[in-house]
N, C-alpha and C. Protein backbone atom coordinates (compact mmCIF):
# COMPACT_ATOMS: atom_id res chain seq x y z
N MET A 1 -14.94 2.26 42.13
CA MET A 1 -15.29 2.08 40.74
C MET A 1 -15.08 0.62 40.36
N THR A 2 -16.07 0.01 39.78
CA THR A 2 -16.01 -1.39 39.38
C THR A 2 -15.41 -1.49 37.99
N GLU A 3 -14.45 -2.40 37.85
CA GLU A 3 -13.83 -2.61 36.56
C GLU A 3 -14.61 -3.63 35.75
N VAL A 4 -14.91 -3.28 34.51
CA VAL A 4 -15.62 -4.19 33.63
C VAL A 4 -14.58 -5.10 32.97
N PRO A 5 -14.79 -6.40 33.05
CA PRO A 5 -13.81 -7.30 32.43
C PRO A 5 -13.80 -7.12 30.91
N THR A 6 -12.60 -7.12 30.34
CA THR A 6 -12.51 -6.99 28.89
C THR A 6 -12.54 -8.37 28.25
N THR A 7 -13.23 -8.42 27.15
CA THR A 7 -13.35 -9.67 26.42
C THR A 7 -12.22 -9.76 25.40
N ALA A 8 -12.08 -10.93 24.84
CA ALA A 8 -11.07 -11.12 23.80
C ALA A 8 -11.37 -10.19 22.62
N PHE A 9 -12.64 -10.00 22.33
CA PHE A 9 -13.01 -9.11 21.24
C PHE A 9 -12.62 -7.66 21.54
N ASP A 10 -12.88 -7.21 22.76
CA ASP A 10 -12.51 -5.84 23.14
C ASP A 10 -11.00 -5.62 22.99
N ARG A 11 -10.24 -6.61 23.40
CA ARG A 11 -8.78 -6.51 23.27
C ARG A 11 -8.39 -6.49 21.79
N ALA A 12 -9.03 -7.32 21.00
CA ALA A 12 -8.73 -7.37 19.57
C ALA A 12 -9.09 -6.04 18.89
N ARG A 13 -10.23 -5.50 19.22
CA ARG A 13 -10.66 -4.23 18.62
C ARG A 13 -9.70 -3.10 19.01
N THR A 14 -9.34 -3.05 20.28
CA THR A 14 -8.41 -2.02 20.74
C THR A 14 -7.05 -2.21 20.09
N GLY A 15 -6.59 -3.45 20.04
CA GLY A 15 -5.30 -3.74 19.40
C GLY A 15 -5.30 -3.36 17.92
N LEU A 16 -6.39 -3.66 17.24
CA LEU A 16 -6.49 -3.31 15.83
C LEU A 16 -6.48 -1.80 15.65
N TRP A 17 -7.21 -1.10 16.49
CA TRP A 17 -7.26 0.36 16.42
C TRP A 17 -5.87 0.96 16.61
N VAL A 18 -5.16 0.51 17.62
CA VAL A 18 -3.81 1.02 17.89
C VAL A 18 -2.88 0.70 16.73
N SER A 19 -2.96 -0.51 16.24
CA SER A 19 -2.12 -0.93 15.12
C SER A 19 -2.40 -0.10 13.87
N LEU A 20 -3.67 0.13 13.57
CA LEU A 20 -4.01 0.90 12.38
C LEU A 20 -3.54 2.35 12.51
N GLN A 21 -3.55 2.89 13.70
CA GLN A 21 -3.04 4.25 13.90
C GLN A 21 -1.54 4.32 13.58
N LYS A 22 -0.81 3.29 14.00
CA LYS A 22 0.63 3.24 13.70
C LYS A 22 0.84 3.11 12.19
N HIS A 23 0.03 2.27 11.55
CA HIS A 23 0.15 2.09 10.11
C HIS A 23 -0.20 3.38 9.37
N LEU A 24 -1.19 4.10 9.87
CA LEU A 24 -1.55 5.38 9.25
C LEU A 24 -0.40 6.38 9.35
N ALA A 25 0.28 6.38 10.47
CA ALA A 25 1.43 7.29 10.63
C ALA A 25 2.51 6.97 9.60
N LEU A 26 2.79 5.68 9.39
CA LEU A 26 3.75 5.27 8.37
C LEU A 26 3.28 5.67 6.98
N LEU A 27 2.02 5.43 6.72
CA LEU A 27 1.43 5.73 5.42
C LEU A 27 1.51 7.22 5.12
N TYR A 28 1.12 8.04 6.09
CA TYR A 28 1.16 9.48 5.88
C TYR A 28 2.59 10.00 5.73
N GLY A 29 3.52 9.40 6.46
CA GLY A 29 4.92 9.78 6.30
C GLY A 29 5.43 9.48 4.90
N ALA A 30 5.11 8.31 4.40
CA ALA A 30 5.52 7.93 3.05
C ALA A 30 4.84 8.81 2.01
N GLU A 31 3.59 9.14 2.24
CA GLU A 31 2.87 9.99 1.29
C GLU A 31 3.48 11.39 1.27
N THR A 32 3.82 11.93 2.42
CA THR A 32 4.43 13.25 2.49
C THR A 32 5.75 13.28 1.74
N ALA A 33 6.58 12.28 1.95
CA ALA A 33 7.87 12.21 1.26
C ALA A 33 7.67 12.08 -0.25
N PHE A 34 6.70 11.28 -0.65
CA PHE A 34 6.43 11.09 -2.09
C PHE A 34 5.89 12.39 -2.69
N THR A 35 5.04 13.08 -1.96
CA THR A 35 4.49 14.35 -2.44
C THR A 35 5.60 15.34 -2.71
N LYS A 36 6.55 15.41 -1.80
CA LYS A 36 7.70 16.32 -1.99
C LYS A 36 8.52 15.90 -3.21
N ALA A 37 8.64 14.59 -3.41
CA ALA A 37 9.45 14.08 -4.51
C ALA A 37 8.82 14.30 -5.88
N VAL A 38 7.52 14.50 -5.95
CA VAL A 38 6.85 14.73 -7.24
C VAL A 38 6.46 16.19 -7.43
N ALA A 39 6.90 17.03 -6.53
CA ALA A 39 6.53 18.45 -6.59
C ALA A 39 7.00 19.12 -7.88
N PHE A 40 7.99 18.57 -8.54
CA PHE A 40 8.51 19.16 -9.77
C PHE A 40 7.53 19.02 -10.93
N ALA A 41 6.61 18.09 -10.86
CA ALA A 41 5.72 17.79 -11.99
C ALA A 41 4.42 18.58 -11.90
N ASP A 42 4.04 19.17 -13.02
CA ASP A 42 2.77 19.88 -13.10
C ASP A 42 1.65 18.96 -13.54
N SER A 43 2.02 17.91 -14.27
CA SER A 43 1.01 16.95 -14.74
C SER A 43 1.67 15.58 -14.85
N PHE A 44 0.81 14.58 -14.95
CA PHE A 44 1.27 13.19 -15.03
C PHE A 44 0.59 12.52 -16.20
N PRO A 45 1.27 11.61 -16.84
CA PRO A 45 2.67 11.22 -16.63
C PRO A 45 3.60 12.35 -17.09
N PHE A 46 4.78 12.40 -16.46
CA PHE A 46 5.75 13.44 -16.76
C PHE A 46 6.87 12.87 -17.64
N LEU A 47 7.56 13.75 -18.29
CA LEU A 47 8.68 13.35 -19.15
C LEU A 47 9.96 13.33 -18.32
N ALA A 48 10.48 12.16 -18.06
CA ALA A 48 11.66 11.99 -17.22
C ALA A 48 12.88 12.74 -17.75
N PRO A 49 13.13 12.75 -19.06
CA PRO A 49 14.32 13.46 -19.55
C PRO A 49 14.30 14.96 -19.27
N GLU A 50 13.12 15.51 -18.99
CA GLU A 50 13.02 16.94 -18.72
C GLU A 50 13.23 17.28 -17.24
N VAL A 51 13.45 16.26 -16.41
CA VAL A 51 13.60 16.46 -14.97
C VAL A 51 15.08 16.41 -14.61
N GLU A 52 15.49 17.30 -13.72
CA GLU A 52 16.88 17.29 -13.27
C GLU A 52 17.22 15.93 -12.66
N PRO A 53 18.41 15.43 -12.92
CA PRO A 53 18.79 14.09 -12.45
C PRO A 53 18.63 13.89 -10.93
N GLU A 54 18.96 14.92 -10.15
CA GLU A 54 18.83 14.78 -8.69
C GLU A 54 17.37 14.63 -8.28
N LEU A 55 16.50 15.42 -8.91
CA LEU A 55 15.06 15.34 -8.61
C LEU A 55 14.49 13.99 -9.03
N LEU A 56 14.94 13.53 -10.19
CA LEU A 56 14.47 12.24 -10.69
C LEU A 56 14.94 11.10 -9.79
N ALA A 57 16.18 11.18 -9.31
CA ALA A 57 16.71 10.16 -8.40
C ALA A 57 15.91 10.15 -7.09
N GLU A 58 15.59 11.33 -6.57
CA GLU A 58 14.79 11.41 -5.34
C GLU A 58 13.39 10.87 -5.58
N TYR A 59 12.82 11.16 -6.73
CA TYR A 59 11.51 10.61 -7.09
C TYR A 59 11.56 9.09 -7.04
N HIS A 60 12.55 8.51 -7.69
CA HIS A 60 12.65 7.05 -7.73
C HIS A 60 12.87 6.46 -6.33
N ARG A 61 13.65 7.13 -5.49
CA ARG A 61 13.85 6.65 -4.11
C ARG A 61 12.52 6.64 -3.35
N GLN A 62 11.79 7.74 -3.44
CA GLN A 62 10.54 7.83 -2.69
C GLN A 62 9.46 6.93 -3.28
N ARG A 63 9.45 6.77 -4.59
CA ARG A 63 8.49 5.86 -5.21
C ARG A 63 8.79 4.43 -4.78
N SER A 64 10.05 4.09 -4.74
CA SER A 64 10.46 2.75 -4.31
C SER A 64 10.06 2.51 -2.84
N ALA A 65 10.24 3.52 -2.01
CA ALA A 65 9.86 3.39 -0.59
C ALA A 65 8.35 3.20 -0.46
N LEU A 66 7.58 3.97 -1.23
CA LEU A 66 6.12 3.83 -1.19
C LEU A 66 5.68 2.48 -1.74
N ARG A 67 6.33 2.03 -2.79
CA ARG A 67 6.02 0.72 -3.37
C ARG A 67 6.31 -0.40 -2.36
N ASP A 68 7.45 -0.33 -1.70
CA ASP A 68 7.80 -1.34 -0.71
C ASP A 68 6.81 -1.34 0.46
N LEU A 69 6.39 -0.15 0.87
CA LEU A 69 5.39 -0.06 1.93
C LEU A 69 4.07 -0.68 1.46
N PHE A 70 3.71 -0.43 0.22
CA PHE A 70 2.49 -0.99 -0.36
C PHE A 70 2.52 -2.52 -0.31
N ILE A 71 3.63 -3.10 -0.69
CA ILE A 71 3.76 -4.56 -0.68
C ILE A 71 3.69 -5.09 0.75
N ASP A 72 4.43 -4.47 1.66
CA ASP A 72 4.42 -4.91 3.07
C ASP A 72 3.04 -4.78 3.70
N GLU A 73 2.41 -3.63 3.48
CA GLU A 73 1.08 -3.40 4.06
C GLU A 73 0.06 -4.39 3.51
N THR A 74 0.13 -4.65 2.22
CA THR A 74 -0.83 -5.58 1.61
C THR A 74 -0.66 -6.98 2.19
N ASN A 75 0.57 -7.40 2.38
CA ASN A 75 0.82 -8.72 2.99
C ASN A 75 0.23 -8.77 4.40
N GLN A 76 0.46 -7.73 5.18
CA GLN A 76 -0.06 -7.70 6.55
C GLN A 76 -1.58 -7.61 6.58
N LEU A 77 -2.15 -6.82 5.68
CA LEU A 77 -3.61 -6.67 5.64
C LEU A 77 -4.28 -7.97 5.23
N ASP A 78 -3.67 -8.69 4.31
CA ASP A 78 -4.21 -9.98 3.89
C ASP A 78 -4.21 -10.95 5.06
N THR A 79 -3.11 -11.00 5.79
CA THR A 79 -3.01 -11.87 6.96
C THR A 79 -4.04 -11.48 8.02
N LEU A 80 -4.19 -10.19 8.23
CA LEU A 80 -5.14 -9.69 9.22
C LEU A 80 -6.57 -10.03 8.85
N ALA A 81 -6.92 -9.85 7.59
CA ALA A 81 -8.27 -10.17 7.14
C ALA A 81 -8.58 -11.66 7.33
N LYS A 82 -7.60 -12.49 7.04
CA LYS A 82 -7.78 -13.93 7.25
C LYS A 82 -7.94 -14.25 8.73
N ALA A 83 -7.17 -13.59 9.58
CA ALA A 83 -7.25 -13.83 11.02
C ALA A 83 -8.62 -13.44 11.56
N ILE A 84 -9.13 -12.30 11.11
CA ILE A 84 -10.47 -11.88 11.56
C ILE A 84 -11.50 -12.92 11.16
N ARG A 85 -11.40 -13.40 9.93
CA ARG A 85 -12.37 -14.36 9.41
C ARG A 85 -12.36 -15.67 10.19
N THR A 86 -11.19 -16.09 10.67
CA THR A 86 -11.09 -17.40 11.31
C THR A 86 -11.28 -17.37 12.83
N LYS A 87 -11.28 -16.19 13.42
CA LYS A 87 -11.47 -16.10 14.87
C LYS A 87 -12.91 -16.42 15.24
N GLY A 88 -13.12 -16.76 16.48
CA GLY A 88 -14.44 -17.17 16.96
C GLY A 88 -15.33 -16.03 17.39
N TYR A 89 -15.18 -14.86 16.79
CA TYR A 89 -16.02 -13.73 17.14
C TYR A 89 -17.40 -13.90 16.51
N THR A 90 -18.37 -13.18 17.07
CA THR A 90 -19.70 -13.18 16.47
C THR A 90 -19.64 -12.44 15.14
N GLU A 91 -20.66 -12.60 14.32
CA GLU A 91 -20.68 -11.92 13.03
C GLU A 91 -20.66 -10.40 13.20
N ASP A 92 -21.36 -9.89 14.19
CA ASP A 92 -21.35 -8.44 14.44
C ASP A 92 -19.98 -7.96 14.89
N GLU A 93 -19.29 -8.75 15.70
CA GLU A 93 -17.95 -8.39 16.13
C GLU A 93 -16.99 -8.38 14.95
N LYS A 94 -17.10 -9.40 14.11
CA LYS A 94 -16.25 -9.45 12.92
C LYS A 94 -16.53 -8.25 12.02
N LYS A 95 -17.79 -7.90 11.91
CA LYS A 95 -18.17 -6.76 11.08
C LYS A 95 -17.52 -5.47 11.61
N GLN A 96 -17.47 -5.32 12.93
CA GLN A 96 -16.83 -4.14 13.52
C GLN A 96 -15.34 -4.10 13.18
N LEU A 97 -14.69 -5.24 13.28
CA LEU A 97 -13.26 -5.30 12.97
C LEU A 97 -13.02 -5.02 11.49
N TYR A 98 -13.84 -5.60 10.64
CA TYR A 98 -13.70 -5.35 9.21
C TYR A 98 -13.99 -3.89 8.86
N LEU A 99 -14.88 -3.27 9.59
CA LEU A 99 -15.18 -1.86 9.35
C LEU A 99 -13.96 -0.98 9.66
N LEU A 100 -13.28 -1.28 10.77
CA LEU A 100 -12.04 -0.57 11.08
C LEU A 100 -11.01 -0.79 9.97
N LEU A 101 -10.88 -2.03 9.57
CA LEU A 101 -9.92 -2.39 8.53
C LEU A 101 -10.28 -1.70 7.21
N LEU A 102 -11.55 -1.67 6.88
CA LEU A 102 -11.99 -1.05 5.63
C LEU A 102 -11.70 0.44 5.61
N GLY A 103 -11.87 1.10 6.73
CA GLY A 103 -11.53 2.52 6.79
C GLY A 103 -10.07 2.76 6.46
N TYR A 104 -9.21 1.93 7.01
CA TYR A 104 -7.78 2.05 6.71
C TYR A 104 -7.52 1.72 5.24
N LEU A 105 -8.15 0.67 4.73
CA LEU A 105 -7.95 0.27 3.34
C LEU A 105 -8.34 1.38 2.38
N ASP A 106 -9.43 2.07 2.67
CA ASP A 106 -9.87 3.16 1.78
C ASP A 106 -8.87 4.31 1.78
N ILE A 107 -8.32 4.64 2.93
CA ILE A 107 -7.29 5.69 2.99
C ILE A 107 -6.03 5.21 2.27
N ALA A 108 -5.62 4.00 2.54
CA ALA A 108 -4.41 3.45 1.92
C ALA A 108 -4.55 3.39 0.40
N ALA A 109 -5.73 3.05 -0.09
CA ALA A 109 -5.95 2.97 -1.54
C ALA A 109 -5.69 4.31 -2.20
N GLN A 110 -6.08 5.40 -1.54
CA GLN A 110 -5.83 6.73 -2.10
C GLN A 110 -4.33 7.01 -2.18
N VAL A 111 -3.61 6.67 -1.13
CA VAL A 111 -2.17 6.93 -1.11
C VAL A 111 -1.45 6.02 -2.09
N PHE A 112 -1.72 4.73 -2.03
CA PHE A 112 -1.01 3.79 -2.90
C PHE A 112 -1.42 3.95 -4.35
N GLY A 113 -2.59 4.51 -4.60
CA GLY A 113 -3.02 4.77 -5.97
C GLY A 113 -2.10 5.73 -6.69
N ARG A 114 -1.38 6.53 -5.95
CA ARG A 114 -0.44 7.47 -6.54
C ARG A 114 0.68 6.74 -7.29
N LEU A 115 0.96 5.51 -6.91
CA LEU A 115 2.00 4.73 -7.59
C LEU A 115 1.65 4.50 -9.06
N ALA A 116 0.37 4.43 -9.37
CA ALA A 116 -0.06 4.19 -10.75
C ALA A 116 -0.28 5.48 -11.53
N VAL A 117 -0.48 6.57 -10.82
CA VAL A 117 -0.83 7.83 -11.48
C VAL A 117 0.36 8.78 -11.61
N GLN A 118 1.11 8.95 -10.56
CA GLN A 118 2.20 9.93 -10.56
C GLN A 118 3.49 9.27 -11.01
N VAL A 119 3.56 9.06 -12.32
CA VAL A 119 4.65 8.30 -12.92
C VAL A 119 5.22 9.03 -14.13
N PRO A 120 6.42 8.63 -14.54
CA PRO A 120 6.95 9.15 -15.80
C PRO A 120 6.22 8.51 -16.98
N VAL A 121 6.42 9.08 -18.16
CA VAL A 121 5.75 8.57 -19.36
C VAL A 121 6.06 7.09 -19.57
N ARG A 122 7.30 6.72 -19.40
CA ARG A 122 7.68 5.30 -19.60
C ARG A 122 8.19 4.75 -18.28
N LEU A 123 7.37 3.96 -17.66
CA LEU A 123 7.76 3.30 -16.41
C LEU A 123 7.79 1.81 -16.70
N PRO A 124 8.89 1.15 -16.40
CA PRO A 124 8.96 -0.30 -16.68
C PRO A 124 7.84 -1.05 -15.95
N LYS A 125 7.38 -2.11 -16.60
CA LYS A 125 6.33 -2.94 -16.00
C LYS A 125 6.86 -3.57 -14.71
N ASP A 126 6.04 -3.55 -13.68
CA ASP A 126 6.42 -4.10 -12.38
C ASP A 126 5.37 -5.15 -12.00
N GLU A 127 5.70 -6.40 -12.29
CA GLU A 127 4.73 -7.48 -12.06
C GLU A 127 4.41 -7.66 -10.58
N GLU A 128 5.39 -7.45 -9.71
CA GLU A 128 5.13 -7.59 -8.28
C GLU A 128 4.16 -6.51 -7.80
N GLU A 129 4.34 -5.31 -8.29
CA GLU A 129 3.43 -4.22 -7.91
C GLU A 129 2.02 -4.49 -8.44
N GLU A 130 1.92 -5.00 -9.67
CA GLU A 130 0.62 -5.32 -10.25
C GLU A 130 -0.07 -6.43 -9.46
N ALA A 131 0.69 -7.45 -9.08
CA ALA A 131 0.13 -8.55 -8.29
C ALA A 131 -0.31 -8.05 -6.91
N THR A 132 0.47 -7.15 -6.35
CA THR A 132 0.12 -6.58 -5.04
C THR A 132 -1.15 -5.75 -5.15
N GLN A 133 -1.30 -5.00 -6.24
CA GLN A 133 -2.51 -4.21 -6.45
C GLN A 133 -3.74 -5.11 -6.51
N ALA A 134 -3.62 -6.21 -7.23
CA ALA A 134 -4.75 -7.16 -7.32
C ALA A 134 -5.05 -7.76 -5.95
N ARG A 135 -4.03 -8.10 -5.22
CA ARG A 135 -4.22 -8.67 -3.87
C ARG A 135 -4.83 -7.65 -2.91
N PHE A 136 -4.37 -6.40 -2.99
CA PHE A 136 -4.92 -5.33 -2.16
C PHE A 136 -6.42 -5.17 -2.44
N GLU A 137 -6.77 -5.18 -3.71
CA GLU A 137 -8.19 -5.03 -4.07
C GLU A 137 -9.02 -6.22 -3.60
N ARG A 138 -8.45 -7.41 -3.60
CA ARG A 138 -9.16 -8.58 -3.07
C ARG A 138 -9.42 -8.43 -1.58
N VAL A 139 -8.41 -7.97 -0.84
CA VAL A 139 -8.57 -7.76 0.61
C VAL A 139 -9.62 -6.69 0.85
N ARG A 140 -9.56 -5.63 0.08
CA ARG A 140 -10.53 -4.53 0.22
C ARG A 140 -11.94 -5.00 -0.09
N SER A 141 -12.08 -5.78 -1.15
CA SER A 141 -13.40 -6.32 -1.52
C SER A 141 -13.93 -7.26 -0.44
N LEU A 142 -13.05 -8.08 0.11
CA LEU A 142 -13.45 -9.00 1.18
C LEU A 142 -13.95 -8.21 2.39
N ALA A 143 -13.21 -7.18 2.77
CA ALA A 143 -13.62 -6.36 3.92
C ALA A 143 -14.96 -5.68 3.64
N ARG A 144 -15.13 -5.15 2.44
CA ARG A 144 -16.39 -4.50 2.07
C ARG A 144 -17.54 -5.50 2.10
N LEU A 145 -17.30 -6.69 1.59
CA LEU A 145 -18.32 -7.73 1.61
C LEU A 145 -18.70 -8.11 3.04
N GLN A 146 -17.70 -8.22 3.90
CA GLN A 146 -17.97 -8.60 5.29
C GLN A 146 -18.75 -7.50 6.02
N VAL A 147 -18.50 -6.25 5.68
CA VAL A 147 -19.22 -5.15 6.33
C VAL A 147 -20.65 -5.07 5.81
N LYS A 148 -20.81 -5.15 4.49
CA LYS A 148 -22.15 -5.04 3.90
C LYS A 148 -22.95 -6.31 4.10
N GLY A 149 -22.27 -7.43 4.04
CA GLY A 149 -22.96 -8.71 4.12
C GLY A 149 -23.63 -9.02 2.80
N LEU A 150 -23.97 -10.25 2.62
CA LEU A 150 -24.60 -10.68 1.37
C LEU A 150 -25.95 -10.02 1.15
N PRO A 151 -26.80 -9.90 2.19
CA PRO A 151 -28.08 -9.23 1.96
C PRO A 151 -27.90 -7.78 1.50
N GLY A 152 -26.87 -7.09 1.99
CA GLY A 152 -26.62 -5.70 1.59
C GLY A 152 -26.20 -5.59 0.15
N LEU A 153 -25.57 -6.62 -0.39
CA LEU A 153 -25.14 -6.60 -1.78
C LEU A 153 -26.27 -6.93 -2.74
N LEU A 154 -27.29 -7.64 -2.25
CA LEU A 154 -28.38 -8.05 -3.10
C LEU A 154 -29.46 -6.98 -3.26
N ARG A 155 -29.37 -5.92 -2.50
CA ARG A 155 -30.38 -4.85 -2.61
C ARG A 155 -30.17 -4.00 -3.80
């Protein structure tokens, strides 16, 4: 059997795929824990004074963990998107990498979106979380633009 030499792009694509699978596992773990922590609420926003203190404390722990993951993931995704853009891959190769990244971003957006929806009635303003949300959307928009290309957006 003859071995086909792998290119730098093939290694990058495989590495990205493996990395995104690991990130998905972390994301799903955090989502599962957060889901359990908000199980007490029938609707959102919920009234914090009506929640047992232990349940509310667990909610805040899991929300904080999901928020921290959101910030970390966004930082890494931003760096990754920049790396893809600056590498010497062909436009089609870059598009493939951005497509993988965009799939992850769309899943992550659903999970991290819970930070804005599944909240108590009065949640203190979190400027870092808001800035991260804006940055996440910029990375997502960049990936979408790279996949669609300018001609795809003009149709």
